[in-house]
Amino acid sequence: MESYHVISGLKIKGTEIVSVLNDKPIFVYQGSADGACGPYSLFITLMILGKISYDNLPPNHKEDNRTGATKFFKKIKNMKGLVVDGTTLRKLKKLVVDSFPSKLKVEECPYKNADIITYVIEKLKQDIPTITGILYQGGGGHWMVSVGYCCDENKKPTKLLFLDPGSKEPTIAPWNTYIEIAKKKKGDYPYHWNTNGYNISFDEALSLSIIK
């Protein structure tokens, strides 16, 4: 029988997915005409960790230069609208480090492809959400937030579970898309993103956790 593990910072409340830390919704949907999946994945992760909330999102945000949320959204504002060409891992990391220097630990995954899977699962076992970058067949890349994984009856991981800002808001589970990792194919894109139909490779990952 298949089982799954999801980070403990998430729960379903009614039809919304919320952060356990503050009971507030955490999902935001990326605009279909931009390449801002990286910043939106950051929004989701920071909401899970209780560092920002819907109240901080424009146009409702009231600036307070003493807070990391204000620093963060000022930097997002400076990105000038549509992020057409996507966002690099280095830029995502800098957004967090500059805005929450003493609040969050930010760690780059030093590995590629299959080793990224091992890294992400180890972080998930520690209840750490991990922003994961993939490359898909046909050209292009995408950022999502890894929040859990599935295992088979032998406890071997079979799927990575994600919150994808480019997909519909989840209502019955704390994820809205997944990638098959048990069956590895030959070629440059050995894994299958079932819910979107792409063959993909894992490119980068960035984990965020609260400094205690």
N, C-alpha and C. Protein backbone atom coordinates (compact mmCIF):
# COMPACT_ATOMS: atom_id res chain seq x y z
N MET A 1 0.84 -1.19 0.00
CA MET A 1 0.00 0.00 0.00
C MET A 1 0.88 1.25 0.00
N GLU A 2 0.51 2.23 -0.81
CA GLU A 2 1.27 3.46 -0.90
C GLU A 2 1.01 4.34 0.32
N SER A 3 2.05 4.96 0.83
CA SER A 3 1.93 5.89 1.95
C SER A 3 2.58 7.21 1.55
N TYR A 4 2.29 8.26 2.30
CA TYR A 4 2.92 9.54 1.97
C TYR A 4 3.28 10.31 3.23
N HIS A 5 4.30 11.16 3.07
CA HIS A 5 4.75 12.05 4.14
C HIS A 5 4.66 13.47 3.64
N VAL A 6 4.04 14.35 4.41
CA VAL A 6 3.96 15.77 4.09
C VAL A 6 4.52 16.55 5.27
N ILE A 7 5.22 17.63 4.99
CA ILE A 7 5.80 18.43 6.08
C ILE A 7 4.72 18.83 7.07
N SER A 8 5.09 18.88 8.34
CA SER A 8 4.11 19.11 9.40
C SER A 8 3.61 20.55 9.46
N GLY A 9 4.22 21.46 8.70
CA GLY A 9 3.80 22.86 8.72
C GLY A 9 2.56 23.15 7.92
N LEU A 10 1.97 22.15 7.26
CA LEU A 10 0.79 22.34 6.42
C LEU A 10 -0.39 21.54 6.93
N LYS A 11 -1.59 22.06 6.70
CA LYS A 11 -2.81 21.29 6.96
C LYS A 11 -3.93 21.82 6.07
N ILE A 12 -4.94 20.98 5.86
CA ILE A 12 -6.13 21.38 5.13
C ILE A 12 -7.16 21.86 6.13
N LYS A 13 -7.71 23.05 5.91
CA LYS A 13 -8.76 23.60 6.77
C LYS A 13 -9.94 23.95 5.88
N GLY A 14 -10.99 23.14 5.96
CA GLY A 14 -12.10 23.31 5.02
C GLY A 14 -11.63 22.93 3.64
N THR A 15 -11.63 23.89 2.74
CA THR A 15 -11.12 23.66 1.38
C THR A 15 -9.85 24.45 1.11
N GLU A 16 -9.22 24.98 2.17
CA GLU A 16 -8.00 25.76 2.01
C GLU A 16 -6.81 25.04 2.62
N ILE A 17 -5.64 25.29 2.05
CA ILE A 17 -4.40 24.80 2.63
C ILE A 17 -3.79 25.94 3.43
N VAL A 18 -3.47 25.68 4.70
CA VAL A 18 -3.03 26.74 5.60
C VAL A 18 -1.73 26.34 6.30
N SER A 19 -1.04 27.35 6.82
CA SER A 19 0.15 27.13 7.63
C SER A 19 -0.27 26.76 9.05
N VAL A 20 0.35 25.73 9.60
CA VAL A 20 0.07 25.33 10.99
C VAL A 20 0.51 26.43 11.96
N LEU A 21 1.52 27.22 11.59
CA LEU A 21 2.07 28.24 12.48
C LEU A 21 1.09 29.35 12.80
N ASN A 22 0.27 29.75 11.80
CA ASN A 22 -0.64 30.87 12.05
C ASN A 22 -2.06 30.63 11.55
N ASP A 23 -2.33 29.44 11.01
CA ASP A 23 -3.67 29.06 10.55
C ASP A 23 -4.13 29.90 9.36
N LYS A 24 -3.18 30.49 8.62
CA LYS A 24 -3.54 31.36 7.50
C LYS A 24 -3.25 30.66 6.18
N PRO A 25 -4.06 30.95 5.13
CA PRO A 25 -3.86 30.34 3.81
C PRO A 25 -2.47 30.65 3.26
N ILE A 26 -1.92 29.71 2.49
CA ILE A 26 -0.54 29.90 2.00
C ILE A 26 -0.41 29.82 0.48
N PHE A 27 -1.50 29.49 -0.24
CA PHE A 27 -1.34 29.28 -1.68
C PHE A 27 -1.58 30.57 -2.46
N VAL A 28 -0.68 30.88 -3.37
CA VAL A 28 -0.85 31.99 -4.30
C VAL A 28 -0.64 31.47 -5.71
N TYR A 29 -1.42 32.02 -6.65
CA TYR A 29 -1.42 31.53 -8.02
C TYR A 29 -0.64 32.47 -8.93
N GLN A 30 0.30 31.90 -9.66
CA GLN A 30 1.13 32.66 -10.59
C GLN A 30 0.32 33.09 -11.80
N GLY A 31 0.54 34.34 -12.26
CA GLY A 31 -0.09 34.81 -13.48
C GLY A 31 0.34 33.99 -14.68
N SER A 32 -0.57 33.74 -15.60
CA SER A 32 -0.29 32.83 -16.72
C SER A 32 0.63 33.43 -17.77
N ALA A 33 0.87 34.76 -17.72
CA ALA A 33 1.66 35.40 -18.78
C ALA A 33 3.08 35.74 -18.33
N ASP A 34 3.46 35.30 -17.15
CA ASP A 34 4.80 35.68 -16.69
C ASP A 34 5.65 34.44 -16.38
N GLY A 35 6.89 34.70 -16.01
CA GLY A 35 7.80 33.62 -15.64
C GLY A 35 8.20 33.75 -14.18
N ALA A 36 7.25 34.16 -13.35
CA ALA A 36 7.55 34.47 -11.95
C ALA A 36 7.30 33.30 -11.01
N CYS A 37 7.45 32.07 -11.51
CA CYS A 37 7.21 30.92 -10.64
C CYS A 37 8.18 30.89 -9.47
N GLY A 38 9.39 31.44 -9.64
CA GLY A 38 10.35 31.49 -8.55
C GLY A 38 9.89 32.36 -7.40
N PRO A 39 9.56 33.65 -7.65
CA PRO A 39 9.02 34.48 -6.57
C PRO A 39 7.74 33.92 -5.96
N TYR A 40 6.86 33.35 -6.77
CA TYR A 40 5.62 32.79 -6.22
C TYR A 40 5.91 31.57 -5.34
N SER A 41 6.90 30.79 -5.73
CA SER A 41 7.30 29.67 -4.88
C SER A 41 7.88 30.18 -3.56
N LEU A 42 8.58 31.30 -3.63
CA LEU A 42 9.08 31.93 -2.41
C LEU A 42 7.92 32.40 -1.54
N PHE A 43 6.91 33.04 -2.17
CA PHE A 43 5.74 33.49 -1.41
C PHE A 43 5.15 32.32 -0.61
N ILE A 44 4.92 31.20 -1.31
CA ILE A 44 4.31 30.04 -0.67
C ILE A 44 5.17 29.53 0.49
N THR A 45 6.48 29.42 0.24
CA THR A 45 7.38 28.91 1.27
C THR A 45 7.43 29.82 2.49
N LEU A 46 7.50 31.13 2.25
CA LEU A 46 7.53 32.09 3.35
C LEU A 46 6.22 32.10 4.12
N MET A 47 5.12 31.84 3.43
CA MET A 47 3.83 31.73 4.12
C MET A 47 3.78 30.47 4.99
N ILE A 48 4.30 29.35 4.46
CA ILE A 48 4.36 28.13 5.26
C ILE A 48 5.15 28.37 6.54
N LEU A 49 6.24 29.13 6.42
CA LEU A 49 7.12 29.38 7.56
C LEU A 49 6.65 30.54 8.44
N GLY A 50 5.51 31.14 8.07
CA GLY A 50 4.91 32.19 8.88
C GLY A 50 5.60 33.54 8.81
N LYS A 51 6.43 33.76 7.77
CA LYS A 51 7.18 35.01 7.67
C LYS A 51 6.44 36.09 6.88
N ILE A 52 5.51 35.69 6.03
CA ILE A 52 4.61 36.63 5.37
C ILE A 52 3.22 35.99 5.37
N SER A 53 2.21 36.80 5.06
CA SER A 53 0.84 36.30 4.96
C SER A 53 0.14 37.07 3.85
N TYR A 54 -1.13 36.73 3.61
CA TYR A 54 -1.90 37.45 2.60
C TYR A 54 -1.97 38.94 2.91
N ASP A 55 -1.93 39.30 4.18
CA ASP A 55 -1.96 40.71 4.56
C ASP A 55 -0.74 41.46 4.06
N ASN A 56 0.35 40.74 3.82
CA ASN A 56 1.58 41.37 3.34
C ASN A 56 1.61 41.53 1.83
N LEU A 57 0.72 40.82 1.12
CA LEU A 57 0.76 40.86 -0.33
C LEU A 57 0.20 42.17 -0.86
N PRO A 58 0.81 42.74 -1.91
CA PRO A 58 0.25 43.93 -2.54
C PRO A 58 -1.16 43.61 -3.05
N PRO A 59 -2.11 44.57 -3.05
CA PRO A 59 -1.92 45.98 -2.65
C PRO A 59 -2.22 46.24 -1.18
N ASN A 60 -2.42 45.20 -0.37
CA ASN A 60 -2.83 45.38 1.03
C ASN A 60 -1.68 45.70 1.97
N HIS A 61 -0.46 45.44 1.53
CA HIS A 61 0.69 45.55 2.43
C HIS A 61 0.92 46.98 2.91
N LYS A 62 1.04 47.12 4.23
CA LYS A 62 1.37 48.40 4.83
C LYS A 62 2.85 48.38 5.20
N GLU A 63 3.59 49.29 4.58
CA GLU A 63 5.04 49.26 4.73
C GLU A 63 5.48 49.58 6.17
N ASP A 64 6.40 48.76 6.63
CA ASP A 64 7.06 48.95 7.92
C ASP A 64 8.49 48.49 7.73
N ASN A 65 9.40 49.45 7.58
CA ASN A 65 10.77 49.14 7.22
C ASN A 65 11.53 48.32 8.27
N ARG A 66 10.90 48.11 9.42
CA ARG A 66 11.52 47.28 10.45
C ARG A 66 11.31 45.80 10.18
N THR A 67 10.40 45.47 9.28
CA THR A 67 10.03 44.07 9.07
C THR A 67 10.69 43.47 7.83
N GLY A 68 10.94 42.17 7.90
CA GLY A 68 11.47 41.46 6.75
C GLY A 68 10.48 41.43 5.61
N ALA A 69 9.17 41.39 5.91
CA ALA A 69 8.15 41.35 4.86
C ALA A 69 8.23 42.59 3.99
N THR A 70 8.39 43.77 4.60
CA THR A 70 8.50 45.01 3.82
C THR A 70 9.76 45.02 2.97
N LYS A 71 10.88 44.60 3.56
CA LYS A 71 12.13 44.54 2.79
C LYS A 71 11.97 43.60 1.60
N PHE A 72 11.33 42.46 1.84
CA PHE A 72 11.14 41.46 0.80
C PHE A 72 10.31 42.02 -0.35
N PHE A 73 9.17 42.63 -0.04
CA PHE A 73 8.29 43.09 -1.11
C PHE A 73 8.83 44.34 -1.82
N LYS A 74 9.66 45.10 -1.16
CA LYS A 74 10.33 46.19 -1.87
C LYS A 74 11.26 45.64 -2.94
N LYS A 75 11.95 44.54 -2.61
CA LYS A 75 12.85 43.91 -3.58
C LYS A 75 12.04 43.27 -4.72
N ILE A 76 10.90 42.66 -4.39
CA ILE A 76 10.03 42.09 -5.42
C ILE A 76 9.53 43.20 -6.34
N LYS A 77 9.14 44.34 -5.77
CA LYS A 77 8.65 45.47 -6.56
C LYS A 77 9.72 45.96 -7.54
N ASN A 78 10.97 45.91 -7.13
CA ASN A 78 12.07 46.36 -7.99
C ASN A 78 12.31 45.43 -9.17
N MET A 79 11.66 44.26 -9.17
CA MET A 79 11.80 43.34 -10.29
C MET A 79 10.95 43.77 -11.48
N LYS A 80 10.12 44.81 -11.28
CA LYS A 80 9.41 45.49 -12.37
C LYS A 80 8.45 44.59 -13.15
N GLY A 81 7.40 44.15 -12.47
CA GLY A 81 6.32 43.50 -13.20
C GLY A 81 6.63 42.11 -13.67
N LEU A 82 6.33 41.82 -14.93
CA LEU A 82 6.51 40.49 -15.48
C LEU A 82 7.96 40.02 -15.37
N VAL A 83 8.16 38.84 -14.84
CA VAL A 83 9.49 38.24 -14.81
C VAL A 83 9.54 37.28 -15.99
N VAL A 84 9.76 37.83 -17.17
CA VAL A 84 9.59 37.08 -18.41
C VAL A 84 10.58 35.93 -18.52
N ASP A 85 11.83 36.17 -18.12
CA ASP A 85 12.88 35.18 -18.34
C ASP A 85 13.15 34.30 -17.12
N GLY A 86 12.23 34.30 -16.16
CA GLY A 86 12.42 33.45 -14.99
C GLY A 86 13.36 34.07 -13.97
N THR A 87 13.62 33.32 -12.91
CA THR A 87 14.44 33.79 -11.80
C THR A 87 15.50 32.75 -11.46
N THR A 88 16.73 33.19 -11.26
CA THR A 88 17.81 32.26 -10.93
C THR A 88 17.77 31.88 -9.46
N LEU A 89 18.37 30.75 -9.13
CA LEU A 89 18.47 30.32 -7.74
C LEU A 89 19.22 31.37 -6.92
N ARG A 90 20.26 31.94 -7.50
CA ARG A 90 21.05 32.94 -6.77
C ARG A 90 20.19 34.14 -6.39
N LYS A 91 19.31 34.56 -7.31
CA LYS A 91 18.45 35.71 -7.03
C LYS A 91 17.40 35.37 -5.97
N LEU A 92 16.84 34.16 -6.03
CA LEU A 92 15.88 33.74 -5.02
C LEU A 92 16.53 33.72 -3.64
N LYS A 93 17.72 33.16 -3.59
CA LYS A 93 18.45 33.09 -2.31
C LYS A 93 18.72 34.49 -1.76
N LYS A 94 19.14 35.39 -2.62
CA LYS A 94 19.47 36.76 -2.19
C LYS A 94 18.23 37.48 -1.65
N LEU A 95 17.07 37.25 -2.30
CA LEU A 95 15.83 37.86 -1.84
C LEU A 95 15.55 37.49 -0.38
N VAL A 96 15.78 36.23 -0.04
CA VAL A 96 15.51 35.76 1.32
C VAL A 96 16.59 36.23 2.30
N VAL A 97 17.85 36.05 1.93
CA VAL A 97 18.96 36.39 2.82
C VAL A 97 18.94 37.89 3.16
N ASP A 98 18.68 38.74 2.16
CA ASP A 98 18.67 40.18 2.39
C ASP A 98 17.47 40.62 3.22
N SER A 99 16.35 39.89 3.12
CA SER A 99 15.12 40.31 3.80
C SER A 99 14.97 39.71 5.19
N PHE A 100 15.46 38.49 5.39
CA PHE A 100 15.30 37.79 6.67
C PHE A 100 16.65 37.23 7.14
N PRO A 101 17.66 38.11 7.31
CA PRO A 101 19.03 37.62 7.56
C PRO A 101 19.22 36.82 8.83
N SER A 102 18.47 37.11 9.87
CA SER A 102 18.65 36.40 11.13
C SER A 102 17.46 35.50 11.46
N LYS A 103 16.53 35.37 10.53
CA LYS A 103 15.29 34.62 10.78
C LYS A 103 15.26 33.27 10.07
N LEU A 104 15.88 33.20 8.90
CA LEU A 104 15.77 31.99 8.08
C LEU A 104 17.13 31.48 7.65
N LYS A 105 17.28 30.17 7.68
CA LYS A 105 18.46 29.52 7.12
C LYS A 105 18.13 29.15 5.67
N VAL A 106 18.98 29.56 4.75
CA VAL A 106 18.77 29.30 3.33
C VAL A 106 19.93 28.46 2.83
N GLU A 107 19.62 27.31 2.24
CA GLU A 107 20.67 26.38 1.83
C GLU A 107 20.48 25.93 0.39
N GLU A 108 21.51 26.10 -0.41
CA GLU A 108 21.49 25.60 -1.79
C GLU A 108 21.82 24.11 -1.82
N CYS A 109 21.11 23.37 -2.62
CA CYS A 109 21.47 21.97 -2.84
C CYS A 109 22.71 21.91 -3.72
N PRO A 110 23.75 21.20 -3.31
CA PRO A 110 24.99 21.14 -4.10
C PRO A 110 24.97 20.09 -5.20
N TYR A 111 23.84 19.41 -5.38
CA TYR A 111 23.79 18.26 -6.28
C TYR A 111 22.96 18.53 -7.53
N LYS A 112 22.91 17.53 -8.42
CA LYS A 112 22.11 17.59 -9.64
C LYS A 112 21.26 16.33 -9.77
N ASN A 113 20.18 16.46 -10.48
CA ASN A 113 19.27 15.39 -10.88
C ASN A 113 18.95 14.38 -9.78
N ALA A 114 19.36 13.11 -9.90
CA ALA A 114 18.94 12.09 -8.94
C ALA A 114 19.36 12.45 -7.52
N ASP A 115 20.52 13.08 -7.36
CA ASP A 115 20.99 13.44 -6.02
C ASP A 115 20.15 14.58 -5.43
N ILE A 116 19.53 15.38 -6.29
CA ILE A 116 18.61 16.41 -5.80
C ILE A 116 17.41 15.75 -5.12
N ILE A 117 16.94 14.65 -5.69
CA ILE A 117 15.81 13.91 -5.10
C ILE A 117 16.16 13.48 -3.68
N THR A 118 17.34 12.91 -3.51
CA THR A 118 17.78 12.47 -2.18
C THR A 118 17.84 13.64 -1.22
N TYR A 119 18.40 14.76 -1.68
CA TYR A 119 18.50 15.97 -0.87
C TYR A 119 17.12 16.46 -0.44
N VAL A 120 16.20 16.56 -1.40
CA VAL A 120 14.86 17.08 -1.11
C VAL A 120 14.15 16.18 -0.10
N ILE A 121 14.22 14.88 -0.29
CA ILE A 121 13.55 13.96 0.63
C ILE A 121 14.12 14.08 2.04
N GLU A 122 15.43 14.23 2.16
CA GLU A 122 16.03 14.40 3.48
C GLU A 122 15.53 15.68 4.16
N LYS A 123 15.37 16.74 3.38
CA LYS A 123 14.84 17.98 3.93
C LYS A 123 13.38 17.81 4.35
N LEU A 124 12.60 17.12 3.53
CA LEU A 124 11.19 16.91 3.85
C LEU A 124 11.04 16.08 5.13
N LYS A 125 11.94 15.13 5.34
CA LYS A 125 11.91 14.34 6.59
C LYS A 125 12.13 15.23 7.80
N GLN A 126 12.82 16.37 7.58
CA GLN A 126 13.06 17.33 8.65
C GLN A 126 11.98 18.42 8.68
N ASP A 127 10.90 18.24 7.88
CA ASP A 127 9.80 19.19 7.78
C ASP A 127 10.23 20.53 7.20
N ILE A 128 11.18 20.49 6.29
CA ILE A 128 11.69 21.70 5.65
C ILE A 128 11.18 21.78 4.20
N PRO A 129 10.35 22.78 3.88
CA PRO A 129 9.91 22.94 2.48
C PRO A 129 11.08 23.32 1.59
N THR A 130 11.11 22.79 0.39
CA THR A 130 12.26 22.97 -0.49
C THR A 130 11.81 23.43 -1.87
N ILE A 131 12.26 24.61 -2.26
CA ILE A 131 11.95 25.12 -3.60
C ILE A 131 12.80 24.36 -4.60
N THR A 132 12.15 23.74 -5.56
CA THR A 132 12.82 22.81 -6.47
C THR A 132 12.68 23.27 -7.91
N GLY A 133 13.81 23.34 -8.60
CA GLY A 133 13.82 23.74 -10.00
C GLY A 133 13.93 22.54 -10.93
N ILE A 134 13.08 22.50 -11.93
CA ILE A 134 13.12 21.43 -12.91
C ILE A 134 13.31 22.00 -14.31
N LEU A 135 13.84 21.17 -15.19
CA LEU A 135 13.90 21.47 -16.62
C LEU A 135 13.02 20.47 -17.33
N TYR A 136 12.24 20.92 -18.31
CA TYR A 136 11.33 19.99 -18.97
C TYR A 136 11.62 19.88 -20.46
N GLN A 137 11.26 18.73 -20.98
CA GLN A 137 11.52 18.40 -22.39
C GLN A 137 10.82 19.40 -23.29
N GLY A 138 11.55 19.89 -24.28
CA GLY A 138 10.99 20.88 -25.18
C GLY A 138 11.50 22.28 -24.89
N GLY A 139 12.24 22.43 -23.80
CA GLY A 139 12.84 23.71 -23.46
C GLY A 139 12.07 24.43 -22.37
N GLY A 140 12.79 24.98 -21.43
CA GLY A 140 12.16 25.74 -20.35
C GLY A 140 12.38 25.10 -19.00
N GLY A 141 12.09 25.90 -17.98
CA GLY A 141 12.24 25.42 -16.62
C GLY A 141 11.12 25.94 -15.75
N HIS A 142 11.06 25.44 -14.53
CA HIS A 142 9.96 25.80 -13.63
C HIS A 142 10.40 25.60 -12.19
N TRP A 143 9.89 26.46 -11.30
CA TRP A 143 10.10 26.33 -9.86
C TRP A 143 8.81 25.91 -9.18
N MET A 144 8.91 25.00 -8.21
CA MET A 144 7.77 24.58 -7.39
C MET A 144 8.27 24.35 -5.97
N VAL A 145 7.33 24.20 -5.05
CA VAL A 145 7.70 23.95 -3.65
C VAL A 145 7.43 22.49 -3.32
N SER A 146 8.48 21.77 -3.01
CA SER A 146 8.33 20.37 -2.61
C SER A 146 7.88 20.31 -1.14
N VAL A 147 6.74 19.62 -0.91
CA VAL A 147 6.17 19.58 0.44
C VAL A 147 5.99 18.15 0.97
N GLY A 148 6.28 17.14 0.14
CA GLY A 148 6.09 15.78 0.61
C GLY A 148 6.52 14.75 -0.42
N TYR A 149 6.37 13.48 -0.05
CA TYR A 149 6.72 12.39 -0.97
C TYR A 149 5.88 11.16 -0.65
N CYS A 150 5.72 10.31 -1.65
CA CYS A 150 5.00 9.03 -1.50
C CYS A 150 6.01 7.89 -1.47
N CYS A 151 5.65 6.81 -0.77
CA CYS A 151 6.46 5.60 -0.72
C CYS A 151 5.61 4.38 -1.06
N ASP A 152 6.25 3.35 -1.61
CA ASP A 152 5.54 2.10 -1.86
C ASP A 152 5.53 1.25 -0.59
N GLU A 153 5.03 0.01 -0.71
CA GLU A 153 4.90 -0.85 0.46
C GLU A 153 6.25 -1.21 1.08
N ASN A 154 7.35 -1.03 0.32
CA ASN A 154 8.70 -1.29 0.83
C ASN A 154 9.38 -0.02 1.34
N LYS A 155 8.60 1.06 1.44
CA LYS A 155 9.06 2.36 1.92
C LYS A 155 10.07 3.02 0.98
N LYS A 156 10.03 2.61 -0.29
CA LYS A 156 10.86 3.25 -1.30
C LYS A 156 10.11 4.44 -1.88
N PRO A 157 10.73 5.64 -1.90
CA PRO A 157 10.05 6.81 -2.45
C PRO A 157 9.67 6.62 -3.93
N THR A 158 8.43 6.97 -4.25
CA THR A 158 7.92 6.80 -5.62
C THR A 158 7.52 8.11 -6.28
N LYS A 159 7.15 9.11 -5.50
CA LYS A 159 6.71 10.39 -6.04
C LYS A 159 7.18 11.52 -5.13
N LEU A 160 7.48 12.67 -5.74
CA LEU A 160 7.66 13.90 -4.99
C LEU A 160 6.39 14.72 -5.16
N LEU A 161 5.90 15.29 -4.06
CA LEU A 161 4.65 16.05 -4.04
C LEU A 161 4.97 17.54 -3.94
N PHE A 162 4.29 18.34 -4.75
CA PHE A 162 4.63 19.76 -4.85
C PHE A 162 3.41 20.65 -4.73
N LEU A 163 3.66 21.87 -4.27
CA LEU A 163 2.74 22.98 -4.47
C LEU A 163 3.27 23.77 -5.65
N ASP A 164 2.52 23.76 -6.74
CA ASP A 164 2.92 24.43 -7.98
C ASP A 164 2.10 25.71 -8.12
N PRO A 165 2.76 26.89 -8.08
CA PRO A 165 2.02 28.14 -8.20
C PRO A 165 1.37 28.32 -9.57
N GLY A 166 1.77 27.50 -10.53
CA GLY A 166 1.19 27.59 -11.87
C GLY A 166 0.01 26.66 -12.08
N SER A 167 -0.37 25.88 -11.06
CA SER A 167 -1.51 24.98 -11.15
C SER A 167 -2.64 25.45 -10.24
N LYS A 168 -3.78 24.77 -10.32
CA LYS A 168 -4.93 25.16 -9.52
C LYS A 168 -4.66 24.98 -8.03
N GLU A 169 -5.33 25.79 -7.22
CA GLU A 169 -5.19 25.69 -5.78
C GLU A 169 -5.71 24.35 -5.29
N PRO A 170 -4.93 23.66 -4.44
CA PRO A 170 -5.40 22.37 -3.92
C PRO A 170 -6.53 22.57 -2.92
N THR A 171 -7.47 21.63 -2.88
CA THR A 171 -8.60 21.74 -1.96
C THR A 171 -8.79 20.50 -1.08
N ILE A 172 -8.21 19.36 -1.49
CA ILE A 172 -8.42 18.14 -0.70
C ILE A 172 -7.12 17.51 -0.23
N ALA A 173 -5.99 18.05 -0.65
CA ALA A 173 -4.68 17.55 -0.22
C ALA A 173 -3.71 18.72 -0.19
N PRO A 174 -2.66 18.64 0.63
CA PRO A 174 -1.71 19.74 0.72
C PRO A 174 -0.67 19.75 -0.41
N TRP A 175 -1.05 19.33 -1.60
CA TRP A 175 -0.22 19.44 -2.80
C TRP A 175 -1.15 19.48 -4.00
N ASN A 176 -0.64 19.95 -5.13
CA ASN A 176 -1.48 20.01 -6.34
C ASN A 176 -0.81 19.42 -7.58
N THR A 177 0.37 18.83 -7.40
CA THR A 177 1.01 18.17 -8.53
C THR A 177 2.09 17.22 -7.99
N TYR A 178 2.53 16.29 -8.83
CA TYR A 178 3.57 15.37 -8.38
C TYR A 178 4.43 14.91 -9.57
N ILE A 179 5.62 14.42 -9.25
CA ILE A 179 6.55 13.90 -10.25
C ILE A 179 6.92 12.47 -9.86
N GLU A 180 6.83 11.56 -10.83
CA GLU A 180 7.22 10.17 -10.61
C GLU A 180 8.74 10.09 -10.50
N ILE A 181 9.24 9.44 -9.44
CA ILE A 181 10.69 9.30 -9.28
C ILE A 181 11.13 7.84 -9.21
N ALA A 182 10.18 6.92 -9.12
CA ALA A 182 10.55 5.50 -9.00
C ALA A 182 11.01 4.92 -10.33
N LYS A 183 10.39 5.39 -11.41
CA LYS A 183 10.72 4.88 -12.75
C LYS A 183 11.58 5.89 -13.47
N LYS A 184 12.84 5.54 -13.66
CA LYS A 184 13.79 6.44 -14.31
C LYS A 184 14.00 6.00 -15.75
N LYS A 185 13.80 6.92 -16.70
CA LYS A 185 13.97 6.63 -18.11
C LYS A 185 15.36 7.04 -18.58
N LYS A 186 15.74 6.58 -19.75
CA LYS A 186 17.00 7.00 -20.35
C LYS A 186 16.84 8.40 -20.95
N GLY A 187 17.98 9.07 -21.10
CA GLY A 187 17.95 10.38 -21.74
C GLY A 187 18.14 11.53 -20.77
N ASP A 188 18.04 12.73 -21.30
CA ASP A 188 18.28 13.94 -20.52
C ASP A 188 17.14 14.29 -19.57
N TYR A 189 15.96 13.71 -19.80
CA TYR A 189 14.79 14.02 -18.98
C TYR A 189 14.20 12.71 -18.45
N PRO A 190 14.81 12.15 -17.41
CA PRO A 190 14.49 10.77 -17.02
C PRO A 190 13.25 10.60 -16.14
N TYR A 191 12.64 11.70 -15.67
CA TYR A 191 11.51 11.59 -14.76
C TYR A 191 10.24 12.17 -15.40
N HIS A 192 9.09 11.67 -14.95
CA HIS A 192 7.84 12.09 -15.58
C HIS A 192 6.99 12.92 -14.62
N TRP A 193 6.62 14.10 -15.08
CA TRP A 193 5.74 15.01 -14.35
C TRP A 193 4.31 14.68 -14.77
N ASN A 194 3.71 13.74 -14.06
CA ASN A 194 2.44 13.15 -14.50
C ASN A 194 1.33 14.16 -14.71
N THR A 195 1.16 15.06 -13.77
CA THR A 195 0.02 15.96 -13.84
C THR A 195 0.14 17.00 -14.95
N ASN A 196 1.33 17.15 -15.53
CA ASN A 196 1.51 18.08 -16.64
C ASN A 196 1.95 17.40 -17.93
N GLY A 197 2.31 16.12 -17.84
CA GLY A 197 2.63 15.36 -19.05
C GLY A 197 4.03 15.56 -19.60
N TYR A 198 4.91 16.25 -18.86
CA TYR A 198 6.27 16.50 -19.34
C TYR A 198 7.23 15.45 -18.78
N ASN A 199 8.28 15.15 -19.55
CA ASN A 199 9.45 14.47 -19.02
C ASN A 199 10.40 15.56 -18.53
N ILE A 200 10.99 15.34 -17.36
CA ILE A 200 11.78 16.43 -16.75
C ILE A 200 13.09 15.91 -16.17
N SER A 201 13.97 16.85 -15.86
CA SER A 201 15.15 16.57 -15.05
C SER A 201 15.15 17.54 -13.88
N PHE A 202 15.77 17.15 -12.79
CA PHE A 202 15.88 18.03 -11.63
C PHE A 202 17.15 18.86 -11.78
N ASP A 203 17.01 20.17 -11.59
CA ASP A 203 18.10 21.08 -11.90
C ASP A 203 18.73 21.72 -10.65
N GLU A 204 17.89 22.25 -9.75
CA GLU A 204 18.39 22.97 -8.58
C GLU A 204 17.40 22.84 -7.43
N ALA A 205 17.83 23.14 -6.24
CA ALA A 205 16.92 23.17 -5.08
C ALA A 205 17.44 24.13 -4.03
N LEU A 206 16.50 24.72 -3.31
CA LEU A 206 16.82 25.71 -2.28
C LEU A 206 15.89 25.45 -1.09
N SER A 207 16.49 25.14 0.07
CA SER A 207 15.68 24.85 1.25
C SER A 207 15.68 26.04 2.20
N LEU A 208 14.52 26.27 2.84
CA LEU A 208 14.36 27.37 3.79
C LEU A 208 13.85 26.80 5.11
N SER A 209 14.48 27.18 6.19
CA SER A 209 14.04 26.74 7.51
C SER A 209 14.22 27.86 8.52
N ILE A 210 13.44 27.79 9.60
CA ILE A 210 13.46 28.83 10.62
C ILE A 210 14.69 28.66 11.52
N ILE A 211 15.39 29.74 11.76
CA ILE A 211 16.51 29.72 12.71
C ILE A 211 15.93 29.84 14.11
N LYS A 212 16.24 28.84 14.94
CA LYS A 212 15.67 28.82 16.29
C LYS A 212 16.68 29.28 17.33
